[in-house]
Each structure stands twice: as C-alpha cells, then as structure tokens.
Amino acid sequence: MPQHKSCTKRMKTAAEQRLNNRAFRSRLRSAIKAVRTEQNKEVAGKKLHEACQLLDKAKSYGLIHKKNADRNKSRLALLVNKLG
C-alpha cells in the first residue's frame, strides 16, 4: 500500500486512465474492423474517415505509436481503394 497521499491519488488516476485507454482502444479496433468488413465503397470511405480520426487521436494521446497509426491508415486506404 502507498505511504503517501500523492501515491494513493496516483494509483486512483492510473486506474481511471487504464479504463479510459482500454475503452478507447476497443473503439479504435472496432472502427478498423468495420472498415475492413465493409463491401460498399462509399460506406467504407465514411468509415475510413472515422477510423483515421480515431487513429490520429490515439496517436496524439500516446496510446499507439505514430508509425503504427500511419501504417494502419495507409493499409485501410489501400483496402478501400481496391473496392469496386
């Protein structure tokens, strides 16, 4: 157990942040999966836009690495462009 008040507070904030990170990561993965499973090009384009926004947000939060976000956006864009 923590001996200092600040350590106790830090434990609480870390637990809250862990839950927030888990929820955001889940939203991100769901958005990516929605783009990958879509067959209609127009709908996939809209979903790609939403997924790219979430990837950029996750990148700015430090939740994922910058190159990881860029790689995912590139691969999703290629996938959407291949749709007929």
PDB file of N, CA and C in Angstrom:
ATOM      1  N   MET A   1       0.846  -1.190   0.000  1.00  0.00           N
ATOM      2  CA  MET A   1       0.000   0.000   0.000  1.00  0.00           C
ATOM      3  C   MET A   1       0.884   1.244   0.000  1.00  0.00           C
ATOM      4  N   PRO A   2       0.380   2.300  -0.636  1.00  0.00           N
ATOM      5  CA  PRO A   2       1.169   3.533  -0.675  1.00  0.00           C
ATOM      6  C   PRO A   2       1.267   4.195   0.695  1.00  0.00           C
ATOM      7  N   GLN A   3       2.389   4.835   0.926  1.00  0.00           N
ATOM      8  CA  GLN A   3       2.627   5.505   2.191  1.00  0.00           C
ATOM      9  C   GLN A   3       2.272   6.994   2.132  1.00  0.00           C
ATOM     10  N   HIS A   4       2.199   7.550   0.931  1.00  0.00           N
ATOM     11  CA  HIS A   4       1.961   8.983   0.760  1.00  0.00           C
ATOM     12  C   HIS A   4       0.605   9.231   0.105  1.00  0.00           C
ATOM     13  N   LYS A   5       0.038  10.399   0.403  1.00  0.00           N
ATOM     14  CA  LYS A   5      -1.235  10.759  -0.199  1.00  0.00           C
ATOM     15  C   LYS A   5      -1.123  10.852  -1.713  1.00  0.00           C
ATOM     16  N   SER A   6      -0.014  11.406  -2.171  1.00  0.00           N
ATOM     17  CA  SER A   6       0.152  11.579  -3.611  1.00  0.00           C
ATOM     18  C   SER A   6       0.209  10.231  -4.323  1.00  0.00           C
ATOM     19  N   CYS A   7       0.781   9.233  -3.682  1.00  0.00           N
ATOM     20  CA  CYS A   7       0.852   7.898  -4.270  1.00  0.00           C
ATOM     21  C   CYS A   7      -0.533   7.261  -4.350  1.00  0.00           C
ATOM     22  N   THR A   8      -1.342   7.505  -3.335  1.00  0.00           N
ATOM     23  CA  THR A   8      -2.701   6.990  -3.335  1.00  0.00           C
ATOM     24  C   THR A   8      -3.491   7.611  -4.482  1.00  0.00           C
ATOM     25  N   LYS A   9      -3.353   8.930  -4.632  1.00  0.00           N
ATOM     26  CA  LYS A   9      -4.039   9.619  -5.724  1.00  0.00           C
ATOM     27  C   LYS A   9      -3.549   9.113  -7.073  1.00  0.00           C
ATOM     28  N   ARG A  10      -2.262   8.906  -7.177  1.00  0.00           N
ATOM     29  CA  ARG A  10      -1.682   8.439  -8.429  1.00  0.00           C
ATOM     30  C   ARG A  10      -2.225   7.059  -8.796  1.00  0.00           C
ATOM     31  N   MET A  11      -2.416   6.201  -7.811  1.00  0.00           N
ATOM     32  CA  MET A  11      -2.992   4.880  -8.066  1.00  0.00           C
ATOM     33  C   MET A  11      -4.411   5.004  -8.614  1.00  0.00           C
ATOM     34  N   LYS A  12      -5.193   5.914  -8.022  1.00  0.00           N
ATOM     35  CA  LYS A  12      -6.578   6.101  -8.472  1.00  0.00           C
ATOM     36  C   LYS A  12      -6.619   6.636  -9.901  1.00  0.00           C
ATOM     37  N   THR A  13      -5.805   7.656 -10.189  1.00  0.00           N
ATOM     38  CA  THR A  13      -5.830   8.239 -11.533  1.00  0.00           C
ATOM     39  C   THR A  13      -5.306   7.249 -12.570  1.00  0.00           C
ATOM     40  N   ALA A  14      -4.325   6.443 -12.183  1.00  0.00           N
ATOM     41  CA  ALA A  14      -3.791   5.445 -13.108  1.00  0.00           C
ATOM     42  C   ALA A  14      -4.858   4.394 -13.428  1.00  0.00           C
ATOM     43  N   ALA A  15      -5.641   4.010 -12.434  1.00  0.00           N
ATOM     44  CA  ALA A  15      -6.703   3.032 -12.666  1.00  0.00           C
ATOM     45  C   ALA A  15      -7.772   3.598 -13.599  1.00  0.00           C
ATOM     46  N   GLU A  16      -8.140   4.867 -13.388  1.00  0.00           N
ATOM     47  CA  GLU A  16      -9.129   5.502 -14.268  1.00  0.00           C
ATOM     48  C   GLU A  16      -8.597   5.602 -15.693  1.00  0.00           C
ATOM     49  N   GLN A  17      -7.352   5.994 -15.824  1.00  0.00           N
ATOM     50  CA  GLN A  17      -6.759   6.149 -17.151  1.00  0.00           C
ATOM     51  C   GLN A  17      -6.649   4.809 -17.858  1.00  0.00           C
ATOM     52  N   ARG A  18      -6.361   3.762 -17.104  1.00  0.00           N
ATOM     53  CA  ARG A  18      -6.281   2.429 -17.691  1.00  0.00           C
ATOM     54  C   ARG A  18      -7.631   2.026 -18.289  1.00  0.00           C
ATOM     55  N   LEU A  19      -8.716   2.332 -17.576  1.00  0.00           N
ATOM     56  CA  LEU A  19     -10.053   2.022 -18.091  1.00  0.00           C
ATOM     57  C   LEU A  19     -10.366   2.855 -19.330  1.00  0.00           C
ATOM     58  N   ASN A  20     -10.003   4.138 -19.298  1.00  0.00           N
ATOM     59  CA  ASN A  20     -10.226   5.001 -20.457  1.00  0.00           C
ATOM     60  C   ASN A  20      -9.447   4.503 -21.671  1.00  0.00           C
ATOM     61  N   ASN A  21      -8.187   4.123 -21.442  1.00  0.00           N
ATOM     62  CA  ASN A  21      -7.360   3.619 -22.536  1.00  0.00           C
ATOM     63  C   ASN A  21      -7.950   2.344 -23.126  1.00  0.00           C
ATOM     64  N   ARG A  22      -8.432   1.466 -22.255  1.00  0.00           N
ATOM     65  CA  ARG A  22      -9.000   0.210 -22.727  1.00  0.00           C
ATOM     66  C   ARG A  22     -10.248   0.463 -23.567  1.00  0.00           C
ATOM     67  N   ALA A  23     -11.102   1.386 -23.112  1.00  0.00           N
ATOM     68  CA  ALA A  23     -12.318   1.706 -23.856  1.00  0.00           C
ATOM     69  C   ALA A  23     -11.989   2.345 -25.200  1.00  0.00           C
ATOM     70  N   PHE A  24     -11.020   3.259 -25.213  1.00  0.00           N
ATOM     71  CA  PHE A  24     -10.663   3.926 -26.462  1.00  0.00           C
ATOM     72  C   PHE A  24     -10.039   2.948 -27.440  1.00  0.00           C
ATOM     73  N   ARG A  25      -9.180   2.069 -26.945  1.00  0.00           N
ATOM     74  CA  ARG A  25      -8.549   1.078 -27.804  1.00  0.00           C
ATOM     75  C   ARG A  25      -9.598   0.139 -28.397  1.00  0.00           C
ATOM     76  N   SER A  26     -10.631  -0.185 -27.610  1.00  0.00           N
ATOM     77  CA  SER A  26     -11.703  -1.037 -28.100  1.00  0.00           C
ATOM     78  C   SER A  26     -12.480  -0.337 -29.217  1.00  0.00           C
ATOM     79  N   ARG A  27     -12.776   0.959 -29.031  1.00  0.00           N
ATOM     80  CA  ARG A  27     -13.455   1.740 -30.071  1.00  0.00           C
ATOM     81  C   ARG A  27     -12.618   1.784 -31.341  1.00  0.00           C
ATOM     82  N   LEU A  28     -11.325   1.946 -31.161  1.00  0.00           N
ATOM     83  CA  LEU A  28     -10.406   2.022 -32.301  1.00  0.00           C
ATOM     84  C   LEU A  28     -10.401   0.715 -33.079  1.00  0.00           C
ATOM     85  N   ARG A  29     -10.289  -0.387 -32.385  1.00  0.00           N
ATOM     86  CA  ARG A  29     -10.260  -1.687 -33.049  1.00  0.00           C
ATOM     87  C   ARG A  29     -11.575  -1.973 -33.753  1.00  0.00           C
ATOM     88  N   SER A  30     -12.689  -1.583 -33.137  1.00  0.00           N
ATOM     89  CA  SER A  30     -13.995  -1.785 -33.762  1.00  0.00           C
ATOM     90  C   SER A  30     -14.119  -0.971 -35.042  1.00  0.00           C
ATOM     91  N   ALA A  31     -13.613   0.267 -35.022  1.00  0.00           N
ATOM     92  CA  ALA A  31     -13.682   1.122 -36.208  1.00  0.00           C
ATOM     93  C   ALA A  31     -12.843   0.539 -37.341  1.00  0.00           C
ATOM     94  N   ILE A  32     -11.666   0.022 -37.011  1.00  0.00           N
ATOM     95  CA  ILE A  32     -10.799  -0.579 -38.033  1.00  0.00           C
ATOM     96  C   ILE A  32     -11.458  -1.821 -38.620  1.00  0.00           C
ATOM     97  N   LYS A  33     -12.061  -2.630 -37.763  1.00  0.00           N
ATOM     98  CA  LYS A  33     -12.721  -3.837 -38.229  1.00  0.00           C
ATOM     99  C   LYS A  33     -13.924  -3.499 -39.114  1.00  0.00           C
ATOM    100  N   ALA A  34     -14.630  -2.409 -38.775  1.00  0.00           N
ATOM    101  CA  ALA A  34     -15.783  -2.002 -39.581  1.00  0.00           C
ATOM    102  C   ALA A  34     -15.352  -1.622 -40.989  1.00  0.00           C
ATOM    103  N   VAL A  35     -14.205  -0.967 -41.110  1.00  0.00           N
ATOM    104  CA  VAL A  35     -13.703  -0.607 -42.445  1.00  0.00           C
ATOM    105  C   VAL A  35     -13.321  -1.865 -43.206  1.00  0.00           C
ATOM    106  N   ARG A  36     -12.655  -2.792 -42.548  1.00  0.00           N
ATOM    107  CA  ARG A  36     -12.177  -3.999 -43.227  1.00  0.00           C
ATOM    108  C   ARG A  36     -13.308  -4.892 -43.708  1.00  0.00           C
ATOM    109  N   THR A  37     -14.427  -4.913 -42.978  1.00  0.00           N
ATOM    110  CA  THR A  37     -15.516  -5.825 -43.333  1.00  0.00           C
ATOM    111  C   THR A  37     -16.530  -5.198 -44.277  1.00  0.00           C
ATOM    112  N   GLU A  38     -16.438  -3.907 -44.528  1.00  0.00           N
ATOM    113  CA  GLU A  38     -17.407  -3.224 -45.402  1.00  0.00           C
ATOM    114  C   GLU A  38     -17.149  -3.575 -46.871  1.00  0.00           C
ATOM    115  N   GLN A  39     -18.234  -3.791 -47.617  1.00  0.00           N
ATOM    116  CA  GLN A  39     -18.127  -4.158 -49.030  1.00  0.00           C
ATOM    117  C   GLN A  39     -18.465  -3.002 -49.966  1.00  0.00           C
ATOM    118  N   ASN A  40     -19.244  -2.046 -49.472  1.00  0.00           N
ATOM    119  CA  ASN A  40     -19.651  -0.892 -50.277  1.00  0.00           C
ATOM    120  C   ASN A  40     -18.581   0.198 -50.170  1.00  0.00           C
ATOM    121  N   LYS A  41     -18.131   0.707 -51.332  1.00  0.00           N
ATOM    122  CA  LYS A  41     -17.013   1.650 -51.337  1.00  0.00           C
ATOM    123  C   LYS A  41     -17.365   2.979 -50.665  1.00  0.00           C
ATOM    124  N   GLU A  42     -18.573   3.491 -50.899  1.00  0.00           N
ATOM    125  CA  GLU A  42     -18.965   4.777 -50.326  1.00  0.00           C
ATOM    126  C   GLU A  42     -19.057   4.700 -48.804  1.00  0.00           C
ATOM    127  N   VAL A  43     -19.678   3.648 -48.314  1.00  0.00           N
ATOM    128  CA  VAL A  43     -19.813   3.459 -46.861  1.00  0.00           C
ATOM    129  C   VAL A  43     -18.442   3.210 -46.239  1.00  0.00           C
ATOM    130  N   ALA A  44     -17.628   2.447 -46.937  1.00  0.00           N
ATOM    131  CA  ALA A  44     -16.279   2.170 -46.432  1.00  0.00           C
ATOM    132  C   ALA A  44     -15.465   3.455 -46.349  1.00  0.00           C
ATOM    133  N   GLY A  45     -15.665   4.371 -47.295  1.00  0.00           N
ATOM    134  CA  GLY A  45     -14.961   5.653 -47.254  1.00  0.00           C
ATOM    135  C   GLY A  45     -15.324   6.471 -46.031  1.00  0.00           C
ATOM    136  N   LYS A  46     -16.618   6.464 -45.684  1.00  0.00           N
ATOM    137  CA  LYS A  46     -17.060   7.193 -44.484  1.00  0.00           C
ATOM    138  C   LYS A  46     -16.483   6.555 -43.224  1.00  0.00           C
ATOM    139  N   LYS A  47     -16.505   5.227 -43.200  1.00  0.00           N
ATOM    140  CA  LYS A  47     -15.960   4.528 -42.037  1.00  0.00           C
ATOM    141  C   LYS A  47     -14.445   4.718 -41.947  1.00  0.00           C
ATOM    142  N   LEU A  48     -13.787   4.812 -43.102  1.00  0.00           N
ATOM    143  CA  LEU A  48     -12.348   5.058 -43.119  1.00  0.00           C
ATOM    144  C   LEU A  48     -12.037   6.415 -42.506  1.00  0.00           C
ATOM    145  N   HIS A  49     -12.840   7.409 -42.826  1.00  0.00           N
ATOM    146  CA  HIS A  49     -12.637   8.753 -42.274  1.00  0.00           C
ATOM    147  C   HIS A  49     -12.735   8.727 -40.741  1.00  0.00           C
ATOM    148  N   GLU A  50     -13.744   8.036 -40.225  1.00  0.00           N
ATOM    149  CA  GLU A  50     -13.914   7.926 -38.770  1.00  0.00           C
ATOM    150  C   GLU A  50     -12.742   7.176 -38.141  1.00  0.00           C
ATOM    151  N   ALA A  51     -12.310   6.099 -38.784  1.00  0.00           N
ATOM    152  CA  ALA A  51     -11.199   5.317 -38.251  1.00  0.00           C
ATOM    153  C   ALA A  51      -9.910   6.137 -38.252  1.00  0.00           C
ATOM    154  N   CYS A  52      -9.697   6.928 -39.299  1.00  0.00           N
ATOM    155  CA  CYS A  52      -8.494   7.762 -39.359  1.00  0.00           C
ATOM    156  C   CYS A  52      -8.497   8.811 -38.258  1.00  0.00           C
ATOM    157  N   GLN A  53      -9.659   9.371 -37.976  1.00  0.00           N
ATOM    158  CA  GLN A  53      -9.751  10.331 -36.877  1.00  0.00           C
ATOM    159  C   GLN A  53      -9.399   9.673 -35.551  1.00  0.00           C
ATOM    160  N   LEU A  54      -9.917   8.472 -35.320  1.00  0.00           N
ATOM    161  CA  LEU A  54      -9.614   7.771 -34.076  1.00  0.00           C
ATOM    162  C   LEU A  54      -8.134   7.401 -34.000  1.00  0.00           C
ATOM    163  N   LEU A  55      -7.549   7.006 -35.136  1.00  0.00           N
ATOM    164  CA  LEU A  55      -6.131   6.667 -35.145  1.00  0.00           C
ATOM    165  C   LEU A  55      -5.278   7.889 -34.820  1.00  0.00           C
ATOM    166  N   ASP A  56      -5.647   9.042 -35.392  1.00  0.00           N
ATOM    167  CA  ASP A  56      -4.894  10.264 -35.103  1.00  0.00           C
ATOM    168  C   ASP A  56      -5.023  10.665 -33.636  1.00  0.00           C
ATOM    169  N   LYS A  57      -6.212  10.476 -33.082  1.00  0.00           N
ATOM    170  CA  LYS A  57      -6.419  10.807 -31.670  1.00  0.00           C
ATOM    171  C   LYS A  57      -5.598   9.883 -30.781  1.00  0.00           C
ATOM    172  N   ALA A  58      -5.609   8.588 -31.100  1.00  0.00           N
ATOM    173  CA  ALA A  58      -4.835   7.620 -30.318  1.00  0.00           C
ATOM    174  C   ALA A  58      -3.348   7.937 -30.412  1.00  0.00           C
ATOM    175  N   LYS A  59      -2.913   8.385 -31.589  1.00  0.00           N
ATOM    176  CA  LYS A  59      -1.514   8.760 -31.780  1.00  0.00           C
ATOM    177  C   LYS A  59      -1.173   9.968 -30.917  1.00  0.00           C
ATOM    178  N   SER A  60      -2.059  10.956 -30.877  1.00  0.00           N
ATOM    179  CA  SER A  60      -1.771  12.159 -30.097  1.00  0.00           C
ATOM    180  C   SER A  60      -1.824  11.890 -28.590  1.00  0.00           C
ATOM    181  N   TYR A  61      -2.641  10.924 -28.175  1.00  0.00           N
ATOM    182  CA  TYR A  61      -2.699  10.559 -26.765  1.00  0.00           C
ATOM    183  C   TYR A  61      -1.497   9.732 -26.336  1.00  0.00           C
ATOM    184  N   GLY A  62      -0.770   9.186 -27.315  1.00  0.00           N
ATOM    185  CA  GLY A  62       0.341   8.307 -26.990  1.00  0.00           C
ATOM    186  C   GLY A  62      -0.112   6.877 -26.755  1.00  0.00           C
ATOM    187  N   LEU A  63      -1.336   6.588 -27.146  1.00  0.00           N
ATOM    188  CA  LEU A  63      -1.879   5.251 -26.946  1.00  0.00           C
ATOM    189  C   LEU A  63      -1.247   4.250 -27.910  1.00  0.00           C
ATOM    190  N   ILE A  64      -0.972   4.703 -29.136  1.00  0.00           N
ATOM    191  CA  ILE A  64      -0.256   3.887 -30.107  1.00  0.00           C
ATOM    192  C   ILE A  64       0.866   4.730 -30.697  1.00  0.00           C
ATOM    193  N   HIS A  65       1.831   4.066 -31.302  1.00  0.00           N
ATOM    194  CA  HIS A  65       2.969   4.766 -31.880  1.00  0.00           C
ATOM    195  C   HIS A  65       2.553   5.469 -33.174  1.00  0.00           C
ATOM    196  N   LYS A  66       3.229   6.554 -33.485  1.00  0.00           N
ATOM    197  CA  LYS A  66       2.929   7.351 -34.672  1.00  0.00           C
ATOM    198  C   LYS A  66       2.988   6.518 -35.943  1.00  0.00           C
ATOM    199  N   LYS A  67       4.027   5.718 -36.076  1.00  0.00           N
ATOM    200  CA  LYS A  67       4.171   4.918 -37.295  1.00  0.00           C
ATOM    201  C   LYS A  67       3.129   3.814 -37.370  1.00  0.00           C
ATOM    202  N   ASN A  68       2.687   3.324 -36.227  1.00  0.00           N
ATOM    203  CA  ASN A  68       1.624   2.326 -36.195  1.00  0.00           C
ATOM    204  C   ASN A  68       0.335   2.932 -36.752  1.00  0.00           C
ATOM    205  N   ALA A  69       0.006   4.138 -36.331  1.00  0.00           N
ATOM    206  CA  ALA A  69      -1.201   4.807 -36.822  1.00  0.00           C
ATOM    207  C   ALA A  69      -1.099   5.066 -38.318  1.00  0.00           C
ATOM    208  N   ASP A  70       0.042   5.565 -38.756  1.00  0.00           N
ATOM    209  CA  ASP A  70       0.223   5.862 -40.177  1.00  0.00           C
ATOM    210  C   ASP A  70       0.130   4.594 -41.029  1.00  0.00           C
ATOM    211  N   ARG A  71       0.705   3.521 -40.546  1.00  0.00           N
ATOM    212  CA  ARG A  71       0.665   2.249 -41.276  1.00  0.00           C
ATOM    213  C   ARG A  71      -0.778   1.741 -41.399  1.00  0.00           C
ATOM    214  N   ASN A  72      -1.522   1.831 -40.298  1.00  0.00           N
ATOM    215  CA  ASN A  72      -2.916   1.388 -40.329  1.00  0.00           C
ATOM    216  C   ASN A  72      -3.747   2.225 -41.289  1.00  0.00           C
ATOM    217  N   LYS A  73      -3.551   3.541 -41.265  1.00  0.00           N
ATOM    218  CA  LYS A  73      -4.309   4.419 -42.158  1.00  0.00           C
ATOM    219  C   LYS A  73      -3.982   4.099 -43.610  1.00  0.00           C
ATOM    220  N   SER A  74      -2.723   3.876 -43.911  1.00  0.00           N
ATOM    221  CA  SER A  74      -2.312   3.570 -45.274  1.00  0.00           C
ATOM    222  C   SER A  74      -2.923   2.259 -45.759  1.00  0.00           C
ATOM    223  N   ARG A  75      -2.858   1.247 -44.942  1.00  0.00           N
ATOM    224  CA  ARG A  75      -3.390  -0.059 -45.342  1.00  0.00           C
ATOM    225  C   ARG A  75      -4.906  -0.020 -45.512  1.00  0.00           C
ATOM    226  N   LEU A  76      -5.586   0.711 -44.637  1.00  0.00           N
ATOM    227  CA  LEU A  76      -7.038   0.816 -44.758  1.00  0.00           C
ATOM    228  C   LEU A  76      -7.411   1.582 -46.027  1.00  0.00           C
ATOM    229  N   ALA A  77      -6.659   2.636 -46.341  1.00  0.00           N
ATOM    230  CA  ALA A  77      -6.937   3.411 -47.551  1.00  0.00           C
ATOM    231  C   ALA A  77      -6.750   2.548 -48.795  1.00  0.00           C
ATOM    232  N   LEU A  78      -5.696   1.739 -48.814  1.00  0.00           N
ATOM    233  CA  LEU A  78      -5.473   0.842 -49.943  1.00  0.00           C
ATOM    234  C   LEU A  78      -6.627  -0.141 -50.083  1.00  0.00           C
ATOM    235  N   LEU A  79      -7.110  -0.646 -48.965  1.00  0.00           N
ATOM    236  CA  LEU A  79      -8.196  -1.604 -48.978  1.00  0.00           C
ATOM    237  C   LEU A  79      -9.471  -0.973 -49.531  1.00  0.00           C
ATOM    238  N   VAL A  80      -9.767   0.256 -49.109  1.00  0.00           N
ATOM    239  CA  VAL A  80     -10.974   0.948 -49.583  1.00  0.00           C
ATOM    240  C   VAL A  80     -10.857   1.263 -51.066  1.00  0.00           C
ATOM    241  N   ASN A  81      -9.668   1.649 -51.511  1.00  0.00           N
ATOM    242  CA  ASN A  81      -9.484   1.983 -52.924  1.00  0.00           C
ATOM    243  C   ASN A  81      -9.635   0.753 -53.833  1.00  0.00           C
ATOM    244  N   LYS A  82      -9.359  -0.436 -53.309  1.00  0.00           N
ATOM    245  CA  LYS A  82      -9.490  -1.654 -54.096  1.00  0.00           C
ATOM    246  C   LYS A  82     -10.951  -2.070 -54.284  1.00  0.00           C
ATOM    247  N   LEU A  83     -11.830  -1.567 -53.404  1.00  0.00           N
ATOM    248  CA  LEU A  83     -13.249  -1.955 -53.505  1.00  0.00           C
ATOM    249  C   LEU A  83     -13.837  -1.439 -54.805  1.00  0.00           C
ATOM    250  N   GLY A  84     -14.730  -2.215 -55.358  1.00  0.00           N
ATOM    251  CA  GLY A  84     -15.356  -1.830 -56.620  1.00  0.00           C
ATOM    252  C   GLY A  84     -16.663  -1.238 -56.351  1.00  0.00           C
TER     253      GLY A  84
END
